[in-house]
C-alpha atoms as a PDB file:
ATOM      1  CA  MET A   1     210.342 193.314  39.961  1.00  0.00           C
ATOM      2  CA  GLU A   2     210.028 196.772  41.330  1.00  0.00           C
ATOM      3  CA  THR A   3     212.714 197.800  44.624  1.00  0.00           C
ATOM      4  CA  ILE A   4     210.813 197.192  48.216  1.00  0.00           C
ATOM      5  CA  LYS A   5     211.451 200.273  50.088  1.00  0.00           C
ATOM      6  CA  LYS A   6     212.772 199.166  53.635  1.00  0.00           C
ATOM      7  CA  LYS A   7     213.518 200.204  57.037  1.00  0.00           C
ATOM      8  CA  TYR A   8     215.257 198.250  59.547  1.00  0.00           C
ATOM      9  CA  VAL A   9     214.466 198.177  63.090  1.00  0.00           C
ATOM     10  CA  ILE A  10     217.661 197.535  65.310  1.00  0.00           C
ATOM     11  CA  ASP A  11     217.882 196.730  68.840  1.00  0.00           C
ATOM     12  CA  GLU A  12     220.558 198.216  71.797  1.00  0.00           C
ATOM     13  CA  ASN A  13     222.696 196.117  70.220  1.00  0.00           C
ATOM     14  CA  ASN A  14     222.439 197.177  66.613  1.00  0.00           C
ATOM     15  CA  ASN A  15     221.706 194.086  65.823  1.00  0.00           C
ATOM     16  CA  GLN A  16     219.102 193.872  62.738  1.00  0.00           C
ATOM     17  CA  VAL A  17     215.906 192.538  64.281  1.00  0.00           C
ATOM     18  CA  ALA A  18     213.039 193.326  61.564  1.00  0.00           C
ATOM     19  CA  VAL A  19     212.273 194.989  58.589  1.00  0.00           C
ATOM     20  CA  GLN A  20     209.623 197.763  58.029  1.00  0.00           C
ATOM     21  CA  ILE A  21     207.914 198.059  54.519  1.00  0.00           C
ATOM     22  CA  ASP A  22     204.865 200.757  53.284  1.00  0.00           C
ATOM     23  CA  ILE A  23     201.507 198.619  53.421  1.00  0.00           C
ATOM     24  CA  LYS A  24     201.124 199.107  49.809  1.00  0.00           C
ATOM     25  CA  ALA A  25     203.937 196.745  49.502  1.00  0.00           C
ATOM     26  CA  TYR A  26     202.958 194.180  52.260  1.00  0.00           C
ATOM     27  CA  GLN A  27     199.478 193.848  50.325  1.00  0.00           C
ATOM     28  CA  LYS A  28     201.688 193.373  47.020  1.00  0.00           C
ATOM     29  CA  LEU A  29     203.746 190.551  48.832  1.00  0.00           C
ATOM     30  CA  GLU A  30     200.968 188.862  50.443  1.00  0.00           C
ATOM     31  CA  GLU A  31     198.851 188.854  47.455  1.00  0.00           C
ATOM     32  CA  LEU A  32     202.310 186.793  45.756  1.00  0.00           C
ATOM     33  CA  LEU A  33     202.573 184.582  48.247  1.00  0.00           C
ATOM     34  CA  GLU A  34     198.993 183.666  47.986  1.00  0.00           C
ATOM     35  CA  ASN A  35     198.887 182.884  44.389  1.00  0.00           C
ATOM     36  CA  TYR A  36     202.065 181.110  44.362  1.00  0.00           C
ATOM     37  CA  ALA A  37     200.543 178.845  47.539  1.00  0.00           C
ATOM     38  CA  LEU A  38     197.491 178.429  45.461  1.00  0.00           C
ATOM     39  CA  VAL A  39     198.755 177.519  42.347  1.00  0.00           C
ATOM     40  CA  GLU A  40     201.387 174.848  44.273  1.00  0.00           C
ATOM     41  CA  LEU A  41     198.176 173.116  45.730  1.00  0.00           C
ATOM     42  CA  MET A  42     196.991 173.119  42.150  1.00  0.00           C
ATOM     43  CA  LYS A  43     199.784 171.402  41.070  1.00  0.00           C
ATOM     44  CA  GLU A  44     199.135 168.568  43.895  1.00  0.00           C
ATOM     45  CA  ASP A  45     195.433 168.365  43.614  1.00  0.00           C
ATOM     46  CA  ASN A  46     194.527 165.083  41.945  1.00  0.00           C
ATOM     47  CA  SER A  47     190.625 166.112  41.925  1.00  0.00           C
ATOM     48  CA  GLU A  48     188.409 165.885  39.374  1.00  0.00           C
ATOM     49  CA  ARG A  49     189.220 169.009  36.370  1.00  0.00           C
ATOM     50  CA  LEU A  50     186.457 170.859  35.109  1.00  0.00           C
ATOM     51  CA  GLU A  51     186.485 172.287  31.441  1.00  0.00           C
ATOM     52  CA  VAL A  52     185.792 176.183  31.099  1.00  0.00           C
ATOM     53  CA  ARG A  53     182.157 175.667  30.506  1.00  0.00           C
ATOM     54  CA  GLU A  54     181.698 173.255  33.503  1.00  0.00           C
ATOM     55  CA  ALA A  55     183.422 175.828  35.701  1.00  0.00           C
ATOM     56  CA  LYS A  56     181.351 178.773  34.590  1.00  0.00           C
ATOM     57  CA  GLU A  57     178.442 176.624  35.741  1.00  0.00           C
ATOM     58  CA  PHE A  58     179.621 175.516  38.873  1.00  0.00           C
ATOM     59  CA  TYR A  59     180.702 179.293  39.722  1.00  0.00           C
ATOM     60  CA  LYS A  60     176.682 180.582  38.716  1.00  0.00           C
ATOM     61  CA  LYS A  61     175.847 177.975  41.260  1.00  0.00           C
ATOM     62  CA  LEU A  62     178.092 178.973  44.205  1.00  0.00           C
ATOM     63  CA  PRO A  63     176.106 181.506  46.922  1.00  0.00           C
ATOM     64  CA  LYS A  64     177.025 185.070  46.479  1.00  0.00           C
ATOM     65  CA  GLU A  65     178.556 186.800  49.489  1.00  0.00           C
ATOM     66  CA  LYS A  66     177.109 190.078  50.791  1.00  0.00           C
END
């Protein structure tokens, strides 16, 4: 895992109150969190499972975004 370069934001009493990270690091963290949440949701989901072939057919039928 790569190191995240961060800058601390401090208040008038020199207490750390926030952290700044560059946008690329933020986007990577956001993607990781979304993927983790999706995996956890899939683990909890007790609905019907599709075989790969069925999933591909289902995916083809979904409306395309413009």
